[in-house]
Amino acid sequence: MSTTQTATATSLLRFATAGSVDDGKSTLVGRLLHDSKSVLADQLEAVEHASRRRGQQAPDLALLTDGLRAEREQGITIDVAYRYFATARRRFILADTPGHVQYTRNMVTGASTAELAVVLVDARNGVVEQTRRHAAVAALLRVPHVVLAVNKMDLVDYAEPVFAAIAAEFTAYAASLGVKDVVAVPISALAGDNVVEPSAAMDWYGGPTLLEHLETVPVGTDPDAEPARFPVQYVIRPQSEEHHDYRGYAG
């Protein structure tokens, strides 16, 4: 039995997660999929089984996107995981990207087609080097919209001053990169606060939930109708003299 919703709307938003390692990107994606009823029953059952096997009482929603064996064993994201889901208002293609600095290339790949970047920040740690790096990548790729998701608010007692300080610091840094469209949302991906449903623990926040913003943010024209582009990730240069003039382009 499937719990997947079918969208009646035709608009499509491509977005990517970003942020430092362990800031909760995969958990957020899993929460979005779960709470928007976009997870098949057998997928949820597999996650519950894997979570119990690892000694966890509650389902680890991050396992919905961490598909490689190394990812599941190490509890990290290595490759880009693409997921499709839909609500009654919009269809979505999301890219869950890795946070480790050595996998930044994969983050660039995931963000290269995004119209919106969700940059996660751990409320306990604030804006860190990898946060700035991913924000700079989004600016370099000219991602039109940026959402700052201040995650793990439950671990700082849902304190408004913590959220306000992080939002001010990130917004100022984004402005220095030329990014003006930044929406900050305080969330707890683990508990589900302000992801799909409003949080009763953060009644001081009067803005939209993350999903509500994703459903209503303006999107551009369909990229499929625009001239074709081939994003180049690296250049292949043979070592042999016979083909010294050859260049291969990979993306």
C-alpha atoms as a PDB file:
ATOM      1  CA  MET A   1       0.000   0.000   0.000  1.00  0.00           C
ATOM      2  CA  SER A   2       1.360   3.413  -0.967  1.00  0.00           C
ATOM      3  CA  THR A   3       1.035   6.643   0.945  1.00  0.00           C
ATOM      4  CA  THR A   4       2.394   8.717  -1.938  1.00  0.00           C
ATOM      5  CA  GLN A   5       0.362  11.778  -2.851  1.00  0.00           C
ATOM      6  CA  THR A   6      -0.291  12.800  -6.442  1.00  0.00           C
ATOM      7  CA  ALA A   7       0.048  16.482  -7.277  1.00  0.00           C
ATOM      8  CA  THR A   8      -2.608  18.285  -9.246  1.00  0.00           C
ATOM      9  CA  ALA A   9      -0.382  21.322  -9.717  1.00  0.00           C
ATOM     10  CA  THR A  10       1.915  21.498 -12.718  1.00  0.00           C
ATOM     11  CA  SER A  11       4.694  23.692 -11.312  1.00  0.00           C
ATOM     12  CA  LEU A  12       7.992  21.985 -10.545  1.00  0.00           C
ATOM     13  CA  LEU A  13      10.667  23.118  -8.077  1.00  0.00           C
ATOM     14  CA  ARG A  14      14.156  21.669  -8.121  1.00  0.00           C
ATOM     15  CA  PHE A  15      15.979  22.253  -4.858  1.00  0.00           C
ATOM     16  CA  ALA A  16      19.065  20.988  -3.055  1.00  0.00           C
ATOM     17  CA  THR A  17      20.104  20.638   0.555  1.00  0.00           C
ATOM     18  CA  ALA A  18      23.427  22.103   1.677  1.00  0.00           C
ATOM     19  CA  GLY A  19      25.372  22.671   4.865  1.00  0.00           C
ATOM     20  CA  SER A  20      28.063  21.109   7.006  1.00  0.00           C
ATOM     21  CA  VAL A  21      28.360  17.463   7.965  1.00  0.00           C
ATOM     22  CA  ASP A  22      25.937  16.267  10.662  1.00  0.00           C
ATOM     23  CA  ASP A  23      23.755  19.367  10.405  1.00  0.00           C
ATOM     24  CA  GLY A  24      20.816  17.078   9.586  1.00  0.00           C
ATOM     25  CA  LYS A  25      20.340  17.302   5.816  1.00  0.00           C
ATOM     26  CA  SER A  26      19.366  13.681   5.228  1.00  0.00           C
ATOM     27  CA  THR A  27      17.106  13.664   8.288  1.00  0.00           C
ATOM     28  CA  LEU A  28      15.378  16.790   6.981  1.00  0.00           C
ATOM     29  CA  VAL A  29      14.828  15.209   3.572  1.00  0.00           C
ATOM     30  CA  GLY A  30      13.466  12.083   5.230  1.00  0.00           C
ATOM     31  CA  ARG A  31      11.154  14.191   7.393  1.00  0.00           C
ATOM     32  CA  LEU A  32       9.885  16.101   4.335  1.00  0.00           C
ATOM     33  CA  LEU A  33       9.175  12.855   2.492  1.00  0.00           C
ATOM     34  CA  HIS A  34       7.568  11.188   5.512  1.00  0.00           C
ATOM     35  CA  ASP A  35       5.379  14.057   6.695  1.00  0.00           C
ATOM     36  CA  SER A  36       4.231  14.945   3.176  1.00  0.00           C
ATOM     37  CA  LYS A  37       3.114  11.311   2.795  1.00  0.00           C
ATOM     38  CA  SER A  38       5.580  10.679  -0.017  1.00  0.00           C
ATOM     39  CA  VAL A  39       7.059   7.450   1.353  1.00  0.00           C
ATOM     40  CA  LEU A  40       5.902   4.042   0.172  1.00  0.00           C
ATOM     41  CA  ALA A  41       4.827   1.646   2.892  1.00  0.00           C
ATOM     42  CA  ASP A  42       7.531  -0.894   2.023  1.00  0.00           C
ATOM     43  CA  GLN A  43      10.194   1.841   2.097  1.00  0.00           C
ATOM     44  CA  LEU A  44       9.100   2.908   5.570  1.00  0.00           C
ATOM     45  CA  GLU A  45       9.049  -0.702   6.727  1.00  0.00           C
ATOM     46  CA  ALA A  46      12.618  -1.196   5.459  1.00  0.00           C
ATOM     47  CA  VAL A  47      13.777   1.941   7.296  1.00  0.00           C
ATOM     48  CA  GLU A  48      12.092   0.803  10.515  1.00  0.00           C
ATOM     49  CA  HIS A  49      13.751  -2.604  10.224  1.00  0.00           C
ATOM     50  CA  ALA A  50      17.193  -1.083   9.548  1.00  0.00           C
ATOM     51  CA  SER A  51      16.765   1.316  12.467  1.00  0.00           C
ATOM     52  CA  ARG A  52      15.859  -1.482  14.889  1.00  0.00           C
ATOM     53  CA  ARG A  53      18.857  -3.467  13.696  1.00  0.00           C
ATOM     54  CA  ARG A  54      21.063  -0.516  14.643  1.00  0.00           C
ATOM     55  CA  GLY A  55      19.494  -0.320  18.103  1.00  0.00           C
ATOM     56  CA  GLN A  56      17.349   2.757  17.422  1.00  0.00           C
ATOM     57  CA  GLN A  57      13.839   2.912  18.846  1.00  0.00           C
ATOM     58  CA  ALA A  58      12.418   5.412  16.329  1.00  0.00           C
ATOM     59  CA  PRO A  59      12.840   5.146  12.535  1.00  0.00           C
ATOM     60  CA  ASP A  60      15.979   6.903  11.280  1.00  0.00           C
ATOM     61  CA  LEU A  61      14.455   8.930   8.453  1.00  0.00           C
ATOM     62  CA  ALA A  62      17.917   9.763   7.082  1.00  0.00           C
ATOM     63  CA  LEU A  63      18.046   6.185   5.777  1.00  0.00           C
ATOM     64  CA  LEU A  64      15.422   7.118   3.179  1.00  0.00           C
ATOM     65  CA  THR A  65      18.140   8.940   1.225  1.00  0.00           C
ATOM     66  CA  ASP A  66      21.404   7.305   2.343  1.00  0.00           C
ATOM     67  CA  GLY A  67      21.339   4.469  -0.174  1.00  0.00           C
ATOM     68  CA  LEU A  68      24.990   3.419  -0.470  1.00  0.00           C
ATOM     69  CA  ARG A  69      26.230   0.732   1.917  1.00  0.00           C
ATOM     70  CA  ALA A  70      29.102   2.983   3.044  1.00  0.00           C
ATOM     71  CA  GLU A  71      26.602   5.753   3.785  1.00  0.00           C
ATOM     72  CA  ARG A  72      24.433   3.516   5.936  1.00  0.00           C
ATOM     73  CA  GLU A  73      27.420   2.047   7.779  1.00  0.00           C
ATOM     74  CA  GLN A  74      29.130   5.396   8.432  1.00  0.00           C
ATOM     75  CA  GLY A  75      25.952   7.423   8.937  1.00  0.00           C
ATOM     76  CA  ILE A  76      27.007  10.032   6.372  1.00  0.00           C
ATOM     77  CA  THR A  77      26.019  11.122   2.874  1.00  0.00           C
ATOM     78  CA  ILE A  78      28.647  10.571   0.163  1.00  0.00           C
ATOM     79  CA  ASP A  79      26.825  10.661  -3.162  1.00  0.00           C
ATOM     80  CA  VAL A  80      23.991  12.948  -4.268  1.00  0.00           C
ATOM     81  CA  ALA A  81      20.601  11.345  -3.596  1.00  0.00           C
ATOM     82  CA  TYR A  82      17.752  12.545  -5.816  1.00  0.00           C
ATOM     83  CA  ARG A  83      14.164  12.156  -4.691  1.00  0.00           C
ATOM     84  CA  TYR A  84      10.857  13.105  -6.294  1.00  0.00           C
ATOM     85  CA  PHE A  85       7.784  13.984  -4.282  1.00  0.00           C
ATOM     86  CA  ALA A  86       4.632  15.999  -4.742  1.00  0.00           C
ATOM     87  CA  THR A  87       1.979  17.824  -2.786  1.00  0.00           C
ATOM     88  CA  ALA A  88      -1.370  19.166  -3.938  1.00  0.00           C
ATOM     89  CA  ARG A  89       0.305  22.496  -4.719  1.00  0.00           C
ATOM     90  CA  ARG A  90       3.606  21.601  -6.411  1.00  0.00           C
ATOM     91  CA  ARG A  91       5.928  18.861  -7.624  1.00  0.00           C
ATOM     92  CA  PHE A  92       9.496  18.658  -6.330  1.00  0.00           C
ATOM     93  CA  ILE A  93      12.831  17.168  -7.312  1.00  0.00           C
ATOM     94  CA  LEU A  94      15.273  17.399  -4.425  1.00  0.00           C
ATOM     95  CA  ALA A  95      18.970  16.652  -4.260  1.00  0.00           C
ATOM     96  CA  ASP A  96      20.333  15.587  -0.878  1.00  0.00           C
ATOM     97  CA  THR A  97      24.014  16.558  -1.052  1.00  0.00           C
ATOM     98  CA  PRO A  98      26.946  15.566   1.204  1.00  0.00           C
ATOM     99  CA  GLY A  99      28.361  17.890   3.848  1.00  0.00           C
ATOM    100  CA  HIS A 100      31.934  16.604   4.094  1.00  0.00           C
ATOM    101  CA  VAL A 101      34.483  18.946   2.541  1.00  0.00           C
ATOM    102  CA  GLN A 102      36.025  16.106   0.487  1.00  0.00           C
ATOM    103  CA  TYR A 103      32.671  15.553  -1.231  1.00  0.00           C
ATOM    104  CA  THR A 104      32.106  19.209  -2.141  1.00  0.00           C
ATOM    105  CA  ARG A 105      32.262  18.268  -5.837  1.00  0.00           C
ATOM    106  CA  ASN A 106      29.142  16.150  -5.335  1.00  0.00           C
ATOM    107  CA  MET A 107      27.433  19.075  -3.618  1.00  0.00           C
ATOM    108  CA  VAL A 108      28.212  21.253  -6.657  1.00  0.00           C
ATOM    109  CA  THR A 109      26.680  18.611  -8.923  1.00  0.00           C
ATOM    110  CA  GLY A 110      23.480  18.498  -6.877  1.00  0.00           C
ATOM    111  CA  ALA A 111      23.139  22.278  -6.695  1.00  0.00           C
ATOM    112  CA  SER A 112      23.949  22.919 -10.363  1.00  0.00           C
ATOM    113  CA  THR A 113      20.334  22.445 -11.494  1.00  0.00           C
ATOM    114  CA  ALA A 114      18.629  23.769  -8.349  1.00  0.00           C
ATOM    115  CA  GLU A 115      16.315  26.760  -8.256  1.00  0.00           C
ATOM    116  CA  LEU A 116      16.512  26.857  -4.472  1.00  0.00           C
ATOM    117  CA  ALA A 117      19.102  25.816  -1.893  1.00  0.00           C
ATOM    118  CA  VAL A 118      18.164  24.817   1.651  1.00  0.00           C
ATOM    119  CA  VAL A 119      21.266  25.577   3.729  1.00  0.00           C
ATOM    120  CA  LEU A 120      21.119  23.809   7.086  1.00  0.00           C
ATOM    121  CA  VAL A 121      22.873  25.078  10.197  1.00  0.00           C
ATOM    122  CA  ASP A 122      23.119  23.247  13.518  1.00  0.00           C
ATOM    123  CA  ALA A 123      21.671  25.655  16.094  1.00  0.00           C
ATOM    124  CA  ARG A 124      24.347  24.578  18.594  1.00  0.00           C
ATOM    125  CA  ASN A 125      27.277  25.357  16.280  1.00  0.00           C
ATOM    126  CA  GLY A 126      26.020  28.287  14.220  1.00  0.00           C
ATOM    127  CA  VAL A 127      27.523  29.284  10.874  1.00  0.00           C
ATOM    128  CA  VAL A 128      30.720  27.290  10.229  1.00  0.00           C
ATOM    129  CA  GLU A 129      33.278  27.117   7.419  1.00  0.00           C
ATOM    130  CA  GLN A 130      31.370  24.535   5.377  1.00  0.00           C
ATOM    131  CA  THR A 131      28.192  26.608   5.718  1.00  0.00           C
ATOM    132  CA  ARG A 132      30.005  29.538   4.127  1.00  0.00           C
ATOM    133  CA  ARG A 133      31.538  27.319   1.460  1.00  0.00           C
ATOM    134  CA  HIS A 134      28.176  25.901   0.408  1.00  0.00           C
ATOM    135  CA  ALA A 135      26.587  29.355   0.444  1.00  0.00           C
ATOM    136  CA  ALA A 136      29.405  30.574  -1.816  1.00  0.00           C
ATOM    137  CA  VAL A 137      28.814  27.645  -4.188  1.00  0.00           C
ATOM    138  CA  ALA A 138      25.099  28.487  -4.359  1.00  0.00           C
ATOM    139  CA  ALA A 139      25.973  32.111  -5.115  1.00  0.00           C
ATOM    140  CA  LEU A 140      28.523  31.077  -7.770  1.00  0.00           C
ATOM    141  CA  LEU A 141      25.918  28.851  -9.433  1.00  0.00           C
ATOM    142  CA  ARG A 142      23.395  31.696  -9.217  1.00  0.00           C
ATOM    143  CA  VAL A 143      20.794  29.653  -7.378  1.00  0.00           C
ATOM    144  CA  PRO A 144      17.847  32.100  -7.315  1.00  0.00           C
ATOM    145  CA  HIS A 145      16.504  31.358  -3.824  1.00  0.00           C
ATOM    146  CA  VAL A 146      18.184  30.397  -0.540  1.00  0.00           C
ATOM    147  CA  VAL A 147      16.513  29.092   2.617  1.00  0.00           C
ATOM    148  CA  LEU A 148      18.436  29.103   5.879  1.00  0.00           C
ATOM    149  CA  ALA A 149      17.094  26.205   7.947  1.00  0.00           C
ATOM    150  CA  VAL A 150      18.360  26.540  11.517  1.00  0.00           C
ATOM    151  CA  ASN A 151      18.078  22.912  12.581  1.00  0.00           C
ATOM    152  CA  LYS A 152      18.140  21.124  15.958  1.00  0.00           C
ATOM    153  CA  MET A 153      16.275  23.950  17.673  1.00  0.00           C
ATOM    154  CA  ASP A 154      15.038  21.345  20.171  1.00  0.00           C
ATOM    155  CA  LEU A 155      18.620  21.041  21.453  1.00  0.00           C
ATOM    156  CA  VAL A 156      18.788  24.753  22.319  1.00  0.00           C
ATOM    157  CA  ASP A 157      15.376  24.794  24.021  1.00  0.00           C
ATOM    158  CA  TYR A 158      13.769  26.448  20.979  1.00  0.00           C
ATOM    159  CA  ALA A 159      15.437  29.740  21.961  1.00  0.00           C
ATOM    160  CA  GLU A 160      14.508  32.645  19.700  1.00  0.00           C
ATOM    161  CA  PRO A 161      17.759  34.617  20.388  1.00  0.00           C
ATOM    162  CA  VAL A 162      19.837  31.679  19.118  1.00  0.00           C
ATOM    163  CA  PHE A 163      17.846  31.584  15.883  1.00  0.00           C
ATOM    164  CA  ALA A 164      17.943  35.371  15.463  1.00  0.00           C
ATOM    165  CA  ALA A 165      21.726  35.544  15.899  1.00  0.00           C
ATOM    166  CA  ILE A 166      22.394  32.774  13.366  1.00  0.00           C
ATOM    167  CA  ALA A 167      19.924  34.251  10.870  1.00  0.00           C
ATOM    168  CA  ALA A 168      21.545  37.689  11.138  1.00  0.00           C
ATOM    169  CA  GLU A 169      25.071  36.308  10.656  1.00  0.00           C
ATOM    170  CA  PHE A 170      24.151  34.153   7.667  1.00  0.00           C
ATOM    171  CA  THR A 171      22.041  36.841   5.991  1.00  0.00           C
ATOM    172  CA  ALA A 172      24.922  39.314   6.257  1.00  0.00           C
ATOM    173  CA  TYR A 173      27.353  36.797   4.764  1.00  0.00           C
ATOM    174  CA  ALA A 174      24.928  35.912   1.957  1.00  0.00           C
ATOM    175  CA  ALA A 175      24.506  39.611   1.165  1.00  0.00           C
ATOM    176  CA  SER A 176      28.292  39.919   0.790  1.00  0.00           C
ATOM    177  CA  LEU A 177      28.045  37.205  -1.891  1.00  0.00           C
ATOM    178  CA  GLY A 178      25.289  39.072  -3.703  1.00  0.00           C
ATOM    179  CA  VAL A 179      22.513  36.778  -2.430  1.00  0.00           C
ATOM    180  CA  LYS A 180      19.565  38.884  -1.355  1.00  0.00           C
ATOM    181  CA  ASP A 181      16.693  36.370  -1.315  1.00  0.00           C
ATOM    182  CA  VAL A 182      17.260  34.545   1.995  1.00  0.00           C
ATOM    183  CA  VAL A 183      14.380  33.159   4.071  1.00  0.00           C
ATOM    184  CA  ALA A 184      15.277  31.848   7.548  1.00  0.00           C
ATOM    185  CA  VAL A 185      13.192  29.101   9.181  1.00  0.00           C
ATOM    186  CA  PRO A 186      13.813  27.579  12.648  1.00  0.00           C
ATOM    187  CA  ILE A 187      13.253  23.820  12.517  1.00  0.00           C
ATOM    188  CA  SER A 188      13.845  20.486  14.175  1.00  0.00           C
ATOM    189  CA  ALA A 189      14.086  17.855  11.456  1.00  0.00           C
ATOM    190  CA  LEU A 190      14.157  15.062  14.026  1.00  0.00           C
ATOM    191  CA  ALA A 191      11.008  16.230  15.840  1.00  0.00           C
ATOM    192  CA  GLY A 192       9.301  17.662  12.755  1.00  0.00           C
ATOM    193  CA  ASP A 193       8.994  21.239  14.052  1.00  0.00           C
ATOM    194  CA  ASN A 194       8.253  23.754  11.263  1.00  0.00           C
ATOM    195  CA  VAL A 195       9.126  21.259   8.527  1.00  0.00           C
ATOM    196  CA  VAL A 196       5.641  20.397   7.295  1.00  0.00           C
ATOM    197  CA  GLU A 197       3.529  21.413  10.289  1.00  0.00           C
ATOM    198  CA  PRO A 198       3.930  24.580  12.435  1.00  0.00           C
ATOM    199  CA  SER A 199       5.745  24.144  15.739  1.00  0.00           C
ATOM    200  CA  ALA A 200       3.845  24.706  18.978  1.00  0.00           C
ATOM    201  CA  ALA A 201       7.208  25.007  20.735  1.00  0.00           C
ATOM    202  CA  MET A 202       8.192  28.032  18.619  1.00  0.00           C
ATOM    203  CA  ASP A 203       5.085  30.206  18.750  1.00  0.00           C
ATOM    204  CA  TRP A 204       7.394  33.242  18.550  1.00  0.00           C
ATOM    205  CA  TYR A 205       8.024  32.394  14.885  1.00  0.00           C
ATOM    206  CA  GLY A 206       5.394  33.829  12.582  1.00  0.00           C
ATOM    207  CA  GLY A 207       6.775  32.791   9.198  1.00  0.00           C
ATOM    208  CA  PRO A 208       5.918  29.841   6.949  1.00  0.00           C
ATOM    209  CA  THR A 209       6.948  26.263   7.551  1.00  0.00           C
ATOM    210  CA  LEU A 210       9.684  24.965   5.288  1.00  0.00           C
ATOM    211  CA  LEU A 211       7.275  23.036   3.067  1.00  0.00           C
ATOM    212  CA  GLU A 212       4.887  25.981   2.843  1.00  0.00           C
ATOM    213  CA  HIS A 213       7.724  28.169   1.586  1.00  0.00           C
ATOM    214  CA  LEU A 214       8.805  25.508  -0.913  1.00  0.00           C
ATOM    215  CA  GLU A 215       5.240  25.305  -2.199  1.00  0.00           C
ATOM    216  CA  THR A 216       4.863  29.052  -2.707  1.00  0.00           C
ATOM    217  CA  VAL A 217       8.296  30.369  -3.731  1.00  0.00           C
ATOM    218  CA  PRO A 218       8.222  31.696  -7.324  1.00  0.00           C
ATOM    219  CA  VAL A 219       9.775  29.383  -9.896  1.00  0.00           C
ATOM    220  CA  GLY A 220      11.138  30.243 -13.314  1.00  0.00           C
ATOM    221  CA  THR A 221      10.362  28.759 -16.685  1.00  0.00           C
ATOM    222  CA  ASP A 222      10.777  25.053 -17.306  1.00  0.00           C
ATOM    223  CA  PRO A 223      14.498  24.444 -18.022  1.00  0.00           C
ATOM    224  CA  ASP A 224      13.527  21.749 -20.545  1.00  0.00           C
ATOM    225  CA  ALA A 225      12.168  24.502 -22.790  1.00  0.00           C
ATOM    226  CA  GLU A 226      15.433  26.458 -22.730  1.00  0.00           C
ATOM    227  CA  PRO A 227      18.529  25.922 -24.940  1.00  0.00           C
ATOM    228  CA  ALA A 228      20.493  22.832 -23.954  1.00  0.00           C
ATOM    229  CA  ARG A 229      23.540  23.218 -21.720  1.00  0.00           C
ATOM    230  CA  PHE A 230      26.168  20.679 -20.748  1.00  0.00           C
ATOM    231  CA  PRO A 231      27.608  21.361 -17.281  1.00  0.00           C
ATOM    232  CA  VAL A 232      31.304  20.457 -17.269  1.00  0.00           C
ATOM    233  CA  GLN A 233      32.624  18.972 -14.028  1.00  0.00           C
ATOM    234  CA  TYR A 234      36.166  18.150 -15.133  1.00  0.00           C
ATOM    235  CA  VAL A 235      38.393  17.880 -18.223  1.00  0.00           C
ATOM    236  CA  ILE A 236      40.036  14.602 -19.276  1.00  0.00           C
ATOM    237  CA  ARG A 237      43.550  15.023 -20.711  1.00  0.00           C
ATOM    238  CA  PRO A 238      45.277  11.842 -22.008  1.00  0.00           C
ATOM    239  CA  GLN A 239      48.894  11.284 -20.997  1.00  0.00           C
ATOM    240  CA  SER A 240      49.996   9.754 -24.310  1.00  0.00           C
ATOM    241  CA  GLU A 241      51.723  11.879 -26.956  1.00  0.00           C
ATOM    242  CA  GLU A 242      49.557  10.322 -29.653  1.00  0.00           C
ATOM    243  CA  HIS A 243      46.456  12.058 -28.289  1.00  0.00           C
ATOM    244  CA  HIS A 244      48.055  15.094 -26.659  1.00  0.00           C
ATOM    245  CA  ASP A 245      45.571  17.450 -28.358  1.00  0.00           C
ATOM    246  CA  TYR A 246      42.532  15.500 -27.156  1.00  0.00           C
ATOM    247  CA  ARG A 247      40.260  16.912 -24.482  1.00  0.00           C
ATOM    248  CA  GLY A 248      37.302  15.058 -23.022  1.00  0.00           C
ATOM    249  CA  TYR A 249      34.662  16.875 -21.027  1.00  0.00           C
ATOM    250  CA  ALA A 250      32.714  15.120 -18.290  1.00  0.00           C
ATOM    251  CA  GLY A 251      29.751  16.389 -16.325  1.00  0.00           C
END
